[in-house]
Amino acid sequence: MSLRNFALDFNINAVLNEKGAVIHFTDYIRYANVIHEPKWKLVNRNIDHGRVSLSREDFSRILEEAIRKRIEYGLPLAVPPEICTSLAQQLEDIRNALTTRKSEFNIEEFKEIMPDCFPPCVLHALSNVKAGVNLAHSMRFALVSFLLNIGMNMDGIIELFKVSPDFDEERTRYQVNHIHGATGTTYTSPSCATMITYGNCYGKETLCDRISHPLSYYRKKAWILKKGN
């Protein structure tokens, strides 16, 4: 499939050129409205007869946002029973692996929420949320699961996301409740290796070199601060 046909699949009628692509301003607004860097404001773009010129990188960013929206609005997926049955053994293996992984972190040990102990990746995500920036799905999962793991209640987490431009309380509550364990599985936040894989590792500092999980960072930083006091 050509890039142009791929864009058409999202109802984006793009004209490709050597520098990137040209799309109609309505398509641009539909997907760029959640990106809050100054350069993404329509007034800061070159427009000719209602069409916006984009570099390859910026056109890719528009497509990324289109994909994100389609995936988000398609959740939760309805999985046929026969598929679940055929994957029963694999699902059981995954559940066992998750149980083993979660046993490494005693979530009950976190008695109070200490923002000063948040790892850089979590602080970065929170900063973006407060600025009204839509997080990538993987980063949103990482942030929500981390906050749940350290004891923040669901209503407090949902309140954080109310400033998001595409905030939908019902969908957000469903997602947070799902991560919290509504289906019987309480999720532990992703490891540092997973955060790096998905491009969600930000502001790495010295302490990060000595840990392999955001919860380990939180625990270690809390210990350091309490020892200092």
C-alpha atoms as a PDB file:
ATOM      1  CA  MET A   1       0.000   0.000   0.000  1.00  0.00           C
ATOM      2  CA  SER A   2       1.341   3.425  -0.941  1.00  0.00           C
ATOM      3  CA  LEU A   3       1.622   6.166   1.665  1.00  0.00           C
ATOM      4  CA  ARG A   4      -1.084   8.139  -0.136  1.00  0.00           C
ATOM      5  CA  ASN A   5      -3.492   5.194  -0.034  1.00  0.00           C
ATOM      6  CA  PHE A   6      -2.607   4.643   3.611  1.00  0.00           C
ATOM      7  CA  ALA A   7      -3.564   8.264   4.326  1.00  0.00           C
ATOM      8  CA  LEU A   8      -6.789   7.848   2.347  1.00  0.00           C
ATOM      9  CA  ASP A   9      -7.712   4.995   4.659  1.00  0.00           C
ATOM     10  CA  PHE A  10      -7.998   7.695   7.330  1.00  0.00           C
ATOM     11  CA  ASN A  11      -9.883  10.049   4.971  1.00  0.00           C
ATOM     12  CA  ILE A  12      -6.793  12.221   4.516  1.00  0.00           C
ATOM     13  CA  ASN A  13      -6.493  13.255   0.870  1.00  0.00           C
ATOM     14  CA  ALA A  14      -2.759  13.929   0.646  1.00  0.00           C
ATOM     15  CA  VAL A  15      -0.655  15.061  -2.292  1.00  0.00           C
ATOM     16  CA  LEU A  16       2.897  13.799  -1.834  1.00  0.00           C
ATOM     17  CA  ASN A  17       5.924  15.741  -3.043  1.00  0.00           C
ATOM     18  CA  GLU A  18       9.705  15.736  -2.599  1.00  0.00           C
ATOM     19  CA  LYS A  19       9.538  17.706   0.650  1.00  0.00           C
ATOM     20  CA  GLY A  20       6.654  15.830   2.246  1.00  0.00           C
ATOM     21  CA  ALA A  21       2.931  16.248   1.664  1.00  0.00           C
ATOM     22  CA  VAL A  22       0.115  18.731   1.209  1.00  0.00           C
ATOM     23  CA  ILE A  23      -3.233  18.105   2.929  1.00  0.00           C
ATOM     24  CA  HIS A  24      -6.502  20.011   3.269  1.00  0.00           C
ATOM     25  CA  PHE A  25      -6.671  22.304   6.288  1.00  0.00           C
ATOM     26  CA  THR A  26      -9.733  20.453   7.659  1.00  0.00           C
ATOM     27  CA  ASP A  27      -7.746  17.192   7.756  1.00  0.00           C
ATOM     28  CA  TYR A  28      -4.909  19.067   9.406  1.00  0.00           C
ATOM     29  CA  ILE A  29      -7.146  20.533  12.123  1.00  0.00           C
ATOM     30  CA  ARG A  30      -8.821  17.175  12.764  1.00  0.00           C
ATOM     31  CA  TYR A  31      -5.560  15.534  13.766  1.00  0.00           C
ATOM     32  CA  ALA A  32      -3.231  18.390  14.745  1.00  0.00           C
ATOM     33  CA  ASN A  33      -5.589  20.024  17.231  1.00  0.00           C
ATOM     34  CA  VAL A  34      -4.289  17.799  20.052  1.00  0.00           C
ATOM     35  CA  ILE A  35      -0.636  18.734  19.417  1.00  0.00           C
ATOM     36  CA  HIS A  36       0.222  21.809  21.440  1.00  0.00           C
ATOM     37  CA  GLU A  37       3.637  22.883  20.200  1.00  0.00           C
ATOM     38  CA  PRO A  38       3.454  26.408  18.694  1.00  0.00           C
ATOM     39  CA  LYS A  39       4.490  25.251  15.224  1.00  0.00           C
ATOM     40  CA  TRP A  40       1.361  23.102  14.988  1.00  0.00           C
ATOM     41  CA  LYS A  41      -1.008  26.059  15.246  1.00  0.00           C
ATOM     42  CA  LEU A  42      -2.670  26.569  11.880  1.00  0.00           C
ATOM     43  CA  VAL A  43      -1.608  30.239  11.778  1.00  0.00           C
ATOM     44  CA  ASN A  44       2.028  29.100  11.812  1.00  0.00           C
ATOM     45  CA  ARG A  45       1.646  26.894   8.721  1.00  0.00           C
ATOM     46  CA  ASN A  46       2.013  27.632   5.033  1.00  0.00           C
ATOM     47  CA  ILE A  47      -1.486  27.493   3.507  1.00  0.00           C
ATOM     48  CA  ASP A  48      -2.281  27.801  -0.178  1.00  0.00           C
ATOM     49  CA  HIS A  49      -5.885  27.566  -1.379  1.00  0.00           C
ATOM     50  CA  GLY A  50      -6.914  25.759   1.778  1.00  0.00           C
ATOM     51  CA  ARG A  51      -4.107  23.200   1.699  1.00  0.00           C
ATOM     52  CA  VAL A  52      -1.340  22.888   4.288  1.00  0.00           C
ATOM     53  CA  SER A  53       2.258  22.021   3.343  1.00  0.00           C
ATOM     54  CA  LEU A  54       3.993  19.553   5.649  1.00  0.00           C
ATOM     55  CA  SER A  55       7.476  18.070   5.887  1.00  0.00           C
ATOM     56  CA  ARG A  56       7.806  14.277   5.797  1.00  0.00           C
ATOM     57  CA  GLU A  57       8.313  14.268   9.562  1.00  0.00           C
ATOM     58  CA  ASP A  58       5.224  16.367  10.257  1.00  0.00           C
ATOM     59  CA  PHE A  59       3.086  14.364   7.839  1.00  0.00           C
ATOM     60  CA  SER A  60       4.179  11.213   9.674  1.00  0.00           C
ATOM     61  CA  ARG A  61       3.134  12.861  12.940  1.00  0.00           C
ATOM     62  CA  ILE A  62      -0.332  13.538  11.508  1.00  0.00           C
ATOM     63  CA  LEU A  63      -0.636   9.889  10.459  1.00  0.00           C
ATOM     64  CA  GLU A  64       0.547   8.809  13.902  1.00  0.00           C
ATOM     65  CA  GLU A  65      -2.250  10.827  15.483  1.00  0.00           C
ATOM     66  CA  ALA A  66      -4.779   9.377  13.029  1.00  0.00           C
ATOM     67  CA  ILE A  67      -3.690   5.843  13.962  1.00  0.00           C
ATOM     68  CA  ARG A  68      -3.837   6.660  17.679  1.00  0.00           C
ATOM     69  CA  LYS A  69      -7.395   7.957  17.402  1.00  0.00           C
ATOM     70  CA  ARG A  70      -8.578   4.929  15.454  1.00  0.00           C
ATOM     71  CA  ILE A  71      -7.073   2.514  17.961  1.00  0.00           C
ATOM     72  CA  GLU A  72      -8.430   4.393  20.978  1.00  0.00           C
ATOM     73  CA  TYR A  73     -11.947   4.682  19.628  1.00  0.00           C
ATOM     74  CA  GLY A  74     -11.900   1.007  18.663  1.00  0.00           C
ATOM     75  CA  LEU A  75     -11.300  -0.139  22.242  1.00  0.00           C
ATOM     76  CA  PRO A  76     -12.344  -2.360  23.879  1.00  0.00           C
ATOM     77  CA  LEU A  77     -12.144  -4.948  21.114  1.00  0.00           C
ATOM     78  CA  ALA A  78     -14.721  -7.727  20.965  1.00  0.00           C
ATOM     79  CA  VAL A  79     -12.751 -10.987  20.819  1.00  0.00           C
ATOM     80  CA  PRO A  80     -14.721 -14.048  19.599  1.00  0.00           C
ATOM     81  CA  PRO A  81     -14.920 -16.903  22.166  1.00  0.00           C
ATOM     82  CA  GLU A  82     -13.241 -19.336  19.763  1.00  0.00           C
ATOM     83  CA  ILE A  83     -10.176 -17.069  19.599  1.00  0.00           C
ATOM     84  CA  CYS A  84      -9.983 -16.936  23.397  1.00  0.00           C
ATOM     85  CA  THR A  85     -10.277 -20.724  23.547  1.00  0.00           C
ATOM     86  CA  SER A  86      -7.543 -21.300  20.960  1.00  0.00           C
ATOM     87  CA  LEU A  87      -5.199 -18.963  22.857  1.00  0.00           C
ATOM     88  CA  ALA A  88      -6.060 -20.292  26.320  1.00  0.00           C
ATOM     89  CA  GLN A  89      -2.616 -21.791  26.978  1.00  0.00           C
ATOM     90  CA  GLN A  90      -0.765 -18.692  25.785  1.00  0.00           C
ATOM     91  CA  LEU A  91      -3.011 -16.484  27.917  1.00  0.00           C
ATOM     92  CA  GLU A  92      -2.348 -18.659  30.946  1.00  0.00           C
ATOM     93  CA  ASP A  93       1.414 -18.425  30.338  1.00  0.00           C
ATOM     94  CA  ILE A  94       1.134 -14.635  30.148  1.00  0.00           C
ATOM     95  CA  ARG A  95      -0.915 -14.489  33.364  1.00  0.00           C
ATOM     96  CA  ASN A  96       1.671 -16.630  35.154  1.00  0.00           C
ATOM     97  CA  ALA A  97       4.508 -14.430  33.886  1.00  0.00           C
ATOM     98  CA  LEU A  98       2.658 -11.315  35.052  1.00  0.00           C
ATOM     99  CA  THR A  99       2.008 -12.847  38.463  1.00  0.00           C
ATOM    100  CA  THR A 100       5.700 -13.674  38.821  1.00  0.00           C
ATOM    101  CA  ARG A 101       6.681 -10.173  37.734  1.00  0.00           C
ATOM    102  CA  LYS A 102       4.195  -8.493  40.069  1.00  0.00           C
ATOM    103  CA  SER A 103       5.433 -10.550  43.008  1.00  0.00           C
ATOM    104  CA  GLU A 104       8.701  -8.623  42.732  1.00  0.00           C
ATOM    105  CA  PHE A 105       6.854  -5.471  43.769  1.00  0.00           C
ATOM    106  CA  ASN A 106       4.933  -5.315  47.005  1.00  0.00           C
ATOM    107  CA  ILE A 107       2.423  -2.627  46.070  1.00  0.00           C
ATOM    108  CA  GLU A 108       0.977  -2.640  49.589  1.00  0.00           C
ATOM    109  CA  GLU A 109       4.243  -1.218  50.910  1.00  0.00           C
ATOM    110  CA  PHE A 110       3.455   2.231  49.499  1.00  0.00           C
ATOM    111  CA  LYS A 111       1.572   3.922  52.336  1.00  0.00           C
ATOM    112  CA  GLU A 112       1.664   7.506  51.058  1.00  0.00           C
ATOM    113  CA  ILE A 113       2.051   9.252  47.731  1.00  0.00           C
ATOM    114  CA  MET A 114       5.362  11.125  47.500  1.00  0.00           C
ATOM    115  CA  PRO A 115       5.556  13.238  44.300  1.00  0.00           C
ATOM    116  CA  ASP A 116       9.174  14.158  45.099  1.00  0.00           C
ATOM    117  CA  CYS A 117      10.040  10.499  44.540  1.00  0.00           C
ATOM    118  CA  PHE A 118       8.467  10.156  41.098  1.00  0.00           C
ATOM    119  CA  PRO A 119      10.904   8.981  38.389  1.00  0.00           C
ATOM    120  CA  PRO A 120      11.716  11.410  35.533  1.00  0.00           C
ATOM    121  CA  CYS A 121       9.522   9.534  33.040  1.00  0.00           C
ATOM    122  CA  VAL A 122       6.468   9.916  35.276  1.00  0.00           C
ATOM    123  CA  LEU A 123       7.198  13.596  35.948  1.00  0.00           C
ATOM    124  CA  HIS A 124       7.500  14.149  32.193  1.00  0.00           C
ATOM    125  CA  ALA A 125       4.158  12.448  31.556  1.00  0.00           C
ATOM    126  CA  LEU A 126       2.437  14.419  34.328  1.00  0.00           C
ATOM    127  CA  SER A 127       3.868  17.662  32.965  1.00  0.00           C
ATOM    128  CA  ASN A 128       2.447  16.877  29.529  1.00  0.00           C
ATOM    129  CA  VAL A 129      -0.956  15.949  30.954  1.00  0.00           C
ATOM    130  CA  LYS A 130      -1.142  19.207  32.929  1.00  0.00           C
ATOM    131  CA  ALA A 131      -0.174  21.112  29.767  1.00  0.00           C
ATOM    132  CA  GLY A 132      -3.087  19.522  27.915  1.00  0.00           C
ATOM    133  CA  VAL A 133      -0.937  17.254  25.750  1.00  0.00           C
ATOM    134  CA  ASN A 134      -2.450  13.922  24.714  1.00  0.00           C
ATOM    135  CA  LEU A 135      -0.179  11.070  25.794  1.00  0.00           C
ATOM    136  CA  ALA A 136       0.598   8.115  23.572  1.00  0.00           C
ATOM    137  CA  HIS A 137      -1.418   5.064  24.627  1.00  0.00           C
ATOM    138  CA  SER A 138       1.692   3.286  25.967  1.00  0.00           C
ATOM    139  CA  MET A 139       2.672   6.321  28.062  1.00  0.00           C
ATOM    140  CA  ARG A 140      -0.867   6.757  29.367  1.00  0.00           C
ATOM    141  CA  PHE A 141      -0.909   3.104  30.457  1.00  0.00           C
ATOM    142  CA  ALA A 142       2.495   3.515  32.130  1.00  0.00           C
ATOM    143  CA  LEU A 143       1.392   6.645  34.003  1.00  0.00           C
ATOM    144  CA  VAL A 144      -1.974   5.288  35.141  1.00  0.00           C
ATOM    145  CA  SER A 145      -0.589   1.925  36.258  1.00  0.00           C
ATOM    146  CA  PHE A 146       2.262   3.633  38.153  1.00  0.00           C
ATOM    147  CA  LEU A 147      -0.102   5.984  39.990  1.00  0.00           C
ATOM    148  CA  LEU A 148      -2.451   3.118  40.849  1.00  0.00           C
ATOM    149  CA  ASN A 149       0.486   1.009  42.043  1.00  0.00           C
ATOM    150  CA  ILE A 150       1.617   3.671  44.516  1.00  0.00           C
ATOM    151  CA  GLY A 151      -1.889   4.116  45.911  1.00  0.00           C
ATOM    152  CA  MET A 152      -3.564   6.993  44.069  1.00  0.00           C
ATOM    153  CA  ASN A 153      -7.315   6.460  43.794  1.00  0.00           C
ATOM    154  CA  MET A 154      -9.102   6.220  40.458  1.00  0.00           C
ATOM    155  CA  ASP A 155     -11.023   9.478  40.838  1.00  0.00           C
ATOM    156  CA  GLY A 156      -7.778  11.354  41.464  1.00  0.00           C
ATOM    157  CA  ILE A 157      -6.245   9.912  38.298  1.00  0.00           C
ATOM    158  CA  ILE A 158      -9.317  10.667  36.193  1.00  0.00           C
ATOM    159  CA  GLU A 159      -9.239  14.248  37.479  1.00  0.00           C
ATOM    160  CA  LEU A 160      -5.683  14.602  36.120  1.00  0.00           C
ATOM    161  CA  PHE A 161      -6.820  13.794  32.585  1.00  0.00           C
ATOM    162  CA  LYS A 162      -9.718  16.258  32.542  1.00  0.00           C
ATOM    163  CA  VAL A 163      -7.475  18.903  30.971  1.00  0.00           C
ATOM    164  CA  SER A 164      -6.765  16.642  27.964  1.00  0.00           C
ATOM    165  CA  PRO A 165      -8.325  18.093  24.790  1.00  0.00           C
ATOM    166  CA  ASP A 166      -9.979  14.787  23.851  1.00  0.00           C
ATOM    167  CA  PHE A 167     -11.060  13.922  27.418  1.00  0.00           C
ATOM    168  CA  ASP A 168     -13.974  11.507  27.591  1.00  0.00           C
ATOM    169  CA  GLU A 169     -14.793  10.707  31.212  1.00  0.00           C
ATOM    170  CA  GLU A 170     -16.645   7.472  30.501  1.00  0.00           C
ATOM    171  CA  ARG A 171     -13.847   6.081  28.329  1.00  0.00           C
ATOM    172  CA  THR A 172     -11.142   7.298  30.723  1.00  0.00           C
ATOM    173  CA  ARG A 173     -12.915   5.740  33.706  1.00  0.00           C
ATOM    174  CA  TYR A 174     -13.229   2.456  31.807  1.00  0.00           C
ATOM    175  CA  GLN A 175      -9.505   2.457  30.968  1.00  0.00           C
ATOM    176  CA  VAL A 176      -8.400   3.330  34.512  1.00  0.00           C
ATOM    177  CA  ASN A 177     -10.797   0.776  36.001  1.00  0.00           C
ATOM    178  CA  HIS A 178      -9.487  -1.874  33.599  1.00  0.00           C
ATOM    179  CA  ILE A 179      -5.870  -1.218  34.607  1.00  0.00           C
ATOM    180  CA  HIS A 180      -6.952  -1.214  38.256  1.00  0.00           C
ATOM    181  CA  GLY A 181      -8.187  -4.789  37.887  1.00  0.00           C
ATOM    182  CA  ALA A 182     -11.839  -4.709  36.855  1.00  0.00           C
ATOM    183  CA  THR A 183     -11.245  -7.838  34.755  1.00  0.00           C
ATOM    184  CA  GLY A 184      -9.427  -9.645  37.548  1.00  0.00           C
ATOM    185  CA  THR A 185      -5.913  -8.598  36.530  1.00  0.00           C
ATOM    186  CA  THR A 186      -4.245  -5.664  38.286  1.00  0.00           C
ATOM    187  CA  TYR A 187      -1.484  -4.324  36.072  1.00  0.00           C
ATOM    188  CA  THR A 188       1.977  -3.369  37.270  1.00  0.00           C
ATOM    189  CA  SER A 189       3.557  -0.394  35.527  1.00  0.00           C
ATOM    190  CA  PRO A 190       6.032  -1.250  32.709  1.00  0.00           C
ATOM    191  CA  SER A 191       9.717  -1.829  33.400  1.00  0.00           C
ATOM    192  CA  CYS A 192      12.416   0.621  32.330  1.00  0.00           C
ATOM    193  CA  ALA A 193      13.309  -1.653  29.399  1.00  0.00           C
ATOM    194  CA  THR A 194       9.723  -1.489  28.155  1.00  0.00           C
ATOM    195  CA  MET A 195       9.614   2.281  28.656  1.00  0.00           C
ATOM    196  CA  ILE A 196      12.754   2.620  26.530  1.00  0.00           C
ATOM    197  CA  THR A 197      11.347   0.320  23.836  1.00  0.00           C
ATOM    198  CA  TYR A 198       8.244   2.506  23.462  1.00  0.00           C
ATOM    199  CA  GLY A 199      10.203   5.762  23.581  1.00  0.00           C
ATOM    200  CA  ASN A 200       8.783   6.727  26.981  1.00  0.00           C
ATOM    201  CA  CYS A 201      12.056   7.080  28.910  1.00  0.00           C
ATOM    202  CA  TYR A 202      12.684  10.790  29.545  1.00  0.00           C
ATOM    203  CA  GLY A 203      15.154  12.737  31.657  1.00  0.00           C
ATOM    204  CA  LYS A 204      17.282   9.770  32.681  1.00  0.00           C
ATOM    205  CA  GLU A 205      19.423  10.600  35.723  1.00  0.00           C
ATOM    206  CA  THR A 206      22.066   8.929  37.899  1.00  0.00           C
ATOM    207  CA  LEU A 207      19.612   6.951  40.028  1.00  0.00           C
ATOM    208  CA  CYS A 208      18.057   5.498  36.872  1.00  0.00           C
ATOM    209  CA  ASP A 209      21.316   3.665  36.159  1.00  0.00           C
ATOM    210  CA  ARG A 210      20.885   1.686  39.380  1.00  0.00           C
ATOM    211  CA  ILE A 211      17.308   0.509  38.903  1.00  0.00           C
ATOM    212  CA  SER A 212      15.309  -1.366  36.274  1.00  0.00           C
ATOM    213  CA  HIS A 213      11.758  -0.306  37.086  1.00  0.00           C
ATOM    214  CA  PRO A 214       9.954   2.994  37.830  1.00  0.00           C
ATOM    215  CA  LEU A 215       8.551   1.498  41.051  1.00  0.00           C
ATOM    216  CA  SER A 216      12.090   0.592  42.114  1.00  0.00           C
ATOM    217  CA  TYR A 217      13.082   4.219  41.487  1.00  0.00           C
ATOM    218  CA  TYR A 218      10.161   5.414  43.620  1.00  0.00           C
ATOM    219  CA  ARG A 219      11.017   3.008  46.435  1.00  0.00           C
ATOM    220  CA  LYS A 220      14.732   3.872  46.344  1.00  0.00           C
ATOM    221  CA  LYS A 221      14.142   7.641  46.201  1.00  0.00           C
ATOM    222  CA  ALA A 222      11.720   7.423  49.141  1.00  0.00           C
ATOM    223  CA  TRP A 223      14.312   5.491  51.130  1.00  0.00           C
ATOM    224  CA  ILE A 224      16.992   8.091  50.328  1.00  0.00           C
ATOM    225  CA  LEU A 225      14.759  11.005  51.351  1.00  0.00           C
ATOM    226  CA  LYS A 226      13.630   9.349  54.582  1.00  0.00           C
ATOM    227  CA  LYS A 227      17.218   8.445  55.440  1.00  0.00           C
ATOM    228  CA  GLY A 228      18.225  12.070  54.868  1.00  0.00           C
ATOM    229  CA  ASN A 229      15.569  13.233  57.297  1.00  0.00           C
END
